[in-house]
Every structure is written in structure tokens, then in C-alpha cells.
Amino acid sequence: MRRNARHETGTGVSQTPNSIGRPARTADSQSTARDQSRRLLTLKEAAAYLALSTWTVRELAGKGRLPAVRLTRRLHFDRRDLDRLIEHAKDSG
């Protein structure tokens, strides 16, 4: 009988081990440092950064509460604007 090759990490996320039996590194852990230096975030990344849904972030941009940068047809958000939105919510809440 063959055991399942996936292992629980204790965080609720399962990982598939690499060829030497260690959990494989995910793209998230490899790109974390690079992502921190990027100024513009995609809609999905901005939503994750703010812990909101993509619809809510899109709505905030549509109402003018969150400035958006449109490169080609995609929305991008400046990390500084996201931080400003957080600080404004702290001051008014």
C-alpha cells in the first residue's frame, strides 16, 4: 500500500515533499523578498495585503477612496496608497 505523498505543515497547508523528502519550497516563500520591494500590486495582491475581497478593493477604487493605476487593462495599486488607506482607517475608526 502506498502512502499519500502530501504532508501537513501544521498550518493547514499541505506540501508535497521534494526528491529528498523535505517539503518543497513554495513560490510564495521564494518570492517574498522580491515582492516586498515591488511598488505596484495587482488587484489580487492588494486585496490580500488589505485582507479584503477583490470585489471590495475594486469598489473602493471605483468610489475614489483608493487610487488605482491602470496599466493596459489591469488595475494595479501603489503599496503607499494601500498603507495610506490603512492609516486613514486607523485615524477615523
N, C-alpha and C. Protein backbone atom coordinates (compact mmCIF):
# COMPACT_ATOMS: atom_id res chain seq x y z
N MET A 1 0.84 -1.16 0.00
CA MET A 1 0.00 0.00 0.00
C MET A 1 0.89 1.24 0.00
N ARG A 2 0.56 2.22 -0.83
CA ARG A 2 1.37 3.43 -0.97
C ARG A 2 0.77 4.55 -0.13
N ARG A 3 1.64 5.22 0.61
CA ARG A 3 1.18 6.34 1.43
C ARG A 3 1.03 7.58 0.59
N ASN A 4 0.17 8.45 1.02
CA ASN A 4 -0.01 9.72 0.35
C ASN A 4 1.27 10.54 0.48
N ALA A 5 1.71 11.18 -0.59
CA ALA A 5 2.98 11.92 -0.59
C ALA A 5 2.83 13.33 -0.06
N ARG A 6 1.63 13.71 0.35
CA ARG A 6 1.44 15.07 0.85
C ARG A 6 1.55 15.08 2.37
N HIS A 7 2.11 16.12 2.92
CA HIS A 7 2.31 16.24 4.36
C HIS A 7 1.67 17.52 4.85
N GLU A 8 1.07 17.44 6.04
CA GLU A 8 0.51 18.63 6.66
C GLU A 8 1.65 19.40 7.32
N THR A 9 1.60 20.74 7.21
CA THR A 9 2.65 21.58 7.78
C THR A 9 2.30 22.09 9.16
N GLY A 10 1.09 21.79 9.62
CA GLY A 10 0.66 22.30 10.91
C GLY A 10 -0.08 23.61 10.78
N THR A 11 -0.06 24.22 9.59
CA THR A 11 -0.75 25.47 9.36
C THR A 11 -2.00 25.26 8.52
N GLY A 12 -2.35 24.00 8.29
CA GLY A 12 -3.50 23.71 7.46
C GLY A 12 -3.17 23.65 5.98
N VAL A 13 -1.90 23.87 5.64
CA VAL A 13 -1.46 23.85 4.25
C VAL A 13 -0.65 22.58 4.03
N SER A 14 -1.02 21.83 3.01
CA SER A 14 -0.25 20.62 2.75
C SER A 14 0.80 20.91 1.68
N GLN A 15 1.93 20.24 1.79
CA GLN A 15 3.02 20.41 0.84
C GLN A 15 3.44 19.05 0.34
N THR A 16 3.87 19.01 -0.89
CA THR A 16 4.41 17.79 -1.46
C THR A 16 5.91 17.80 -1.25
N PRO A 17 6.49 16.72 -0.71
CA PRO A 17 7.93 16.72 -0.47
C PRO A 17 8.71 16.68 -1.78
N ASN A 18 9.92 17.26 -1.75
CA ASN A 18 10.77 17.20 -2.93
C ASN A 18 11.46 15.83 -2.99
N SER A 19 12.39 15.67 -3.87
CA SER A 19 13.00 14.36 -4.10
C SER A 19 13.79 13.83 -2.90
N ILE A 20 14.20 14.70 -1.98
CA ILE A 20 14.95 14.22 -0.82
C ILE A 20 14.09 14.13 0.43
N GLY A 21 12.76 14.25 0.27
CA GLY A 21 11.86 14.06 1.39
C GLY A 21 11.54 15.29 2.19
N ARG A 22 12.11 16.43 1.85
CA ARG A 22 11.79 17.67 2.55
C ARG A 22 10.63 18.35 1.85
N PRO A 23 9.84 19.11 2.60
CA PRO A 23 8.76 19.85 1.94
C PRO A 23 9.34 20.81 0.90
N ALA A 24 8.75 20.82 -0.27
CA ALA A 24 9.22 21.70 -1.34
C ALA A 24 8.92 23.14 -0.98
N ARG A 25 9.79 24.05 -1.36
CA ARG A 25 9.55 25.46 -1.14
C ARG A 25 8.48 25.93 -2.10
N THR A 26 7.60 26.74 -1.61
CA THR A 26 6.55 27.26 -2.47
C THR A 26 7.04 28.54 -3.14
N ALA A 27 6.35 28.92 -4.18
CA ALA A 27 6.71 30.16 -4.88
C ALA A 27 6.57 31.35 -3.94
N ASP A 28 5.61 31.27 -2.99
CA ASP A 28 5.42 32.37 -2.05
C ASP A 28 6.65 32.60 -1.19
N SER A 29 7.25 31.53 -0.69
CA SER A 29 8.40 31.71 0.20
C SER A 29 9.63 32.17 -0.58
N GLN A 30 9.73 31.81 -1.83
CA GLN A 30 10.88 32.21 -2.63
C GLN A 30 10.78 33.64 -3.10
N SER A 31 9.58 34.15 -3.30
CA SER A 31 9.43 35.47 -3.88
C SER A 31 9.08 36.54 -2.86
N THR A 32 9.06 36.20 -1.58
CA THR A 32 8.66 37.16 -0.56
C THR A 32 9.55 38.40 -0.56
N ALA A 33 10.87 38.22 -0.59
CA ALA A 33 11.77 39.37 -0.56
C ALA A 33 11.59 40.23 -1.80
N ARG A 34 11.44 39.59 -2.94
CA ARG A 34 11.26 40.35 -4.18
C ARG A 34 9.94 41.10 -4.15
N ASP A 35 8.89 40.48 -3.64
CA ASP A 35 7.57 41.10 -3.61
C ASP A 35 7.55 42.33 -2.70
N GLN A 36 8.31 42.30 -1.63
CA GLN A 36 8.34 43.43 -0.71
C GLN A 36 8.90 44.69 -1.35
N SER A 37 9.74 44.55 -2.37
CA SER A 37 10.35 45.71 -2.99
C SER A 37 9.51 46.26 -4.15
N ARG A 38 8.50 45.51 -4.59
CA ARG A 38 7.65 45.98 -5.68
C ARG A 38 6.71 47.06 -5.19
N ARG A 39 6.57 48.11 -5.97
CA ARG A 39 5.72 49.23 -5.58
C ARG A 39 4.26 48.99 -5.96
N LEU A 40 4.03 48.46 -7.15
CA LEU A 40 2.67 48.23 -7.62
C LEU A 40 2.24 46.80 -7.39
N LEU A 41 1.02 46.65 -6.88
CA LEU A 41 0.45 45.33 -6.63
C LEU A 41 -0.76 45.14 -7.53
N THR A 42 -1.00 43.89 -7.91
CA THR A 42 -2.19 43.57 -8.69
C THR A 42 -3.42 43.67 -7.78
N LEU A 43 -4.59 43.59 -8.38
CA LEU A 43 -5.83 43.63 -7.61
C LEU A 43 -5.86 42.52 -6.56
N LYS A 44 -5.49 41.33 -6.97
CA LYS A 44 -5.50 40.19 -6.05
C LYS A 44 -4.48 40.38 -4.92
N GLU A 45 -3.29 40.88 -5.25
CA GLU A 45 -2.26 41.11 -4.23
C GLU A 45 -2.69 42.22 -3.28
N ALA A 46 -3.30 43.28 -3.82
CA ALA A 46 -3.77 44.38 -2.98
C ALA A 46 -4.86 43.90 -2.03
N ALA A 47 -5.75 43.07 -2.52
CA ALA A 47 -6.81 42.52 -1.67
C ALA A 47 -6.21 41.69 -0.54
N ALA A 48 -5.22 40.87 -0.85
CA ALA A 48 -4.56 40.07 0.18
C ALA A 48 -3.83 40.97 1.18
N TYR A 49 -3.18 42.00 0.70
CA TYR A 49 -2.44 42.95 1.55
C TYR A 49 -3.39 43.62 2.55
N LEU A 50 -4.60 43.96 2.07
CA LEU A 50 -5.58 44.64 2.93
C LEU A 50 -6.49 43.67 3.68
N ALA A 51 -6.37 42.39 3.39
CA ALA A 51 -7.24 41.36 3.97
C ALA A 51 -8.71 41.64 3.63
N LEU A 52 -8.94 42.01 2.37
CA LEU A 52 -10.28 42.27 1.86
C LEU A 52 -10.50 41.43 0.61
N SER A 53 -11.73 41.35 0.16
CA SER A 53 -12.01 40.64 -1.08
C SER A 53 -11.61 41.52 -2.27
N THR A 54 -11.42 40.89 -3.41
CA THR A 54 -11.09 41.66 -4.62
C THR A 54 -12.25 42.59 -4.99
N TRP A 55 -13.47 42.14 -4.75
CA TRP A 55 -14.63 43.00 -5.05
C TRP A 55 -14.62 44.25 -4.19
N THR A 56 -14.28 44.14 -2.94
CA THR A 56 -14.24 45.30 -2.05
C THR A 56 -13.16 46.27 -2.49
N VAL A 57 -11.99 45.77 -2.86
CA VAL A 57 -10.91 46.64 -3.32
C VAL A 57 -11.32 47.34 -4.61
N ARG A 58 -11.94 46.61 -5.51
CA ARG A 58 -12.43 47.20 -6.77
C ARG A 58 -13.47 48.29 -6.47
N GLU A 59 -14.33 48.04 -5.51
CA GLU A 59 -15.35 49.01 -5.12
C GLU A 59 -14.72 50.26 -4.51
N LEU A 60 -13.72 50.09 -3.65
CA LEU A 60 -13.02 51.24 -3.07
C LEU A 60 -12.38 52.09 -4.17
N ALA A 61 -11.81 51.44 -5.17
CA ALA A 61 -11.20 52.17 -6.28
C ALA A 61 -12.27 52.88 -7.10
N GLY A 62 -13.39 52.21 -7.34
CA GLY A 62 -14.46 52.80 -8.12
C GLY A 62 -15.08 54.02 -7.47
N LYS A 63 -15.13 54.02 -6.13
CA LYS A 63 -15.69 55.15 -5.38
C LYS A 63 -14.67 56.26 -5.16
N GLY A 64 -13.42 56.02 -5.59
CA GLY A 64 -12.39 57.04 -5.44
C GLY A 64 -11.70 57.06 -4.09
N ARG A 65 -11.98 56.09 -3.24
CA ARG A 65 -11.34 56.05 -1.92
C ARG A 65 -9.95 55.44 -1.97
N LEU A 66 -9.65 54.71 -3.05
CA LEU A 66 -8.35 54.08 -3.23
C LEU A 66 -7.88 54.35 -4.66
N PRO A 67 -6.81 55.13 -4.82
CA PRO A 67 -6.32 55.40 -6.17
C PRO A 67 -5.83 54.12 -6.84
N ALA A 68 -6.14 53.99 -8.11
CA ALA A 68 -5.71 52.82 -8.89
C ALA A 68 -4.89 53.28 -10.09
N VAL A 69 -3.96 52.45 -10.47
CA VAL A 69 -3.14 52.69 -11.66
C VAL A 69 -3.58 51.67 -12.69
N ARG A 70 -3.97 52.14 -13.84
CA ARG A 70 -4.40 51.21 -14.89
C ARG A 70 -3.28 51.11 -15.91
N LEU A 71 -2.61 49.97 -15.90
CA LEU A 71 -1.60 49.65 -16.90
C LEU A 71 -2.24 48.63 -17.82
N THR A 72 -2.27 48.90 -19.08
CA THR A 72 -3.04 48.11 -20.05
C THR A 72 -4.48 48.08 -19.55
N ARG A 73 -5.06 46.93 -19.41
CA ARG A 73 -6.46 46.85 -18.96
C ARG A 73 -6.55 46.40 -17.51
N ARG A 74 -5.43 46.20 -16.84
CA ARG A 74 -5.44 45.68 -15.47
C ARG A 74 -5.27 46.80 -14.45
N LEU A 75 -5.92 46.61 -13.32
CA LEU A 75 -5.76 47.56 -12.22
C LEU A 75 -4.56 47.17 -11.38
N HIS A 76 -3.78 48.17 -11.01
CA HIS A 76 -2.68 47.98 -10.07
C HIS A 76 -2.82 49.04 -8.98
N PHE A 77 -2.25 48.73 -7.83
CA PHE A 77 -2.38 49.62 -6.68
C PHE A 77 -1.00 49.87 -6.08
N ASP A 78 -0.74 51.14 -5.80
CA ASP A 78 0.52 51.55 -5.20
C ASP A 78 0.50 51.14 -3.73
N ARG A 79 1.56 50.47 -3.30
CA ARG A 79 1.66 50.00 -1.92
C ARG A 79 1.50 51.16 -0.93
N ARG A 80 2.02 52.33 -1.29
CA ARG A 80 1.92 53.50 -0.41
C ARG A 80 0.48 53.96 -0.25
N ASP A 81 -0.32 53.85 -1.34
CA ASP A 81 -1.73 54.20 -1.24
C ASP A 81 -2.48 53.22 -0.34
N LEU A 82 -2.10 51.96 -0.40
CA LEU A 82 -2.71 50.95 0.48
C LEU A 82 -2.39 51.26 1.94
N ASP A 83 -1.12 51.62 2.19
CA ASP A 83 -0.72 51.97 3.56
C ASP A 83 -1.46 53.22 4.03
N ARG A 84 -1.64 54.20 3.13
CA ARG A 84 -2.36 55.43 3.46
C ARG A 84 -3.82 55.12 3.81
N LEU A 85 -4.44 54.21 3.08
CA LEU A 85 -5.81 53.81 3.36
C LEU A 85 -5.91 53.17 4.75
N ILE A 86 -4.93 52.34 5.07
CA ILE A 86 -4.91 51.70 6.40
C ILE A 86 -4.77 52.76 7.50
N GLU A 87 -3.84 53.70 7.31
CA GLU A 87 -3.63 54.75 8.31
C GLU A 87 -4.87 55.63 8.46
N HIS A 88 -5.53 55.93 7.35
CA HIS A 88 -6.75 56.74 7.41
C HIS A 88 -7.84 55.99 8.17
N ALA A 89 -7.96 54.69 7.97
CA ALA A 89 -8.95 53.89 8.68
C ALA A 89 -8.65 53.85 10.17
N LYS A 90 -7.37 53.84 10.54
CA LYS A 90 -6.99 53.86 11.96
C LYS A 90 -7.40 55.19 12.60
N ASP A 91 -7.13 56.31 11.88
CA ASP A 91 -7.42 57.63 12.43
C ASP A 91 -8.90 57.88 12.58
N SER A 92 -9.70 57.37 11.65
CA SER A 92 -11.14 57.65 11.68
C SER A 92 -11.94 56.59 12.44
N GLY A 93 -11.30 55.48 12.78
CA GLY A 93 -12.05 54.39 13.42
C GLY A 93 -11.85 54.34 14.84
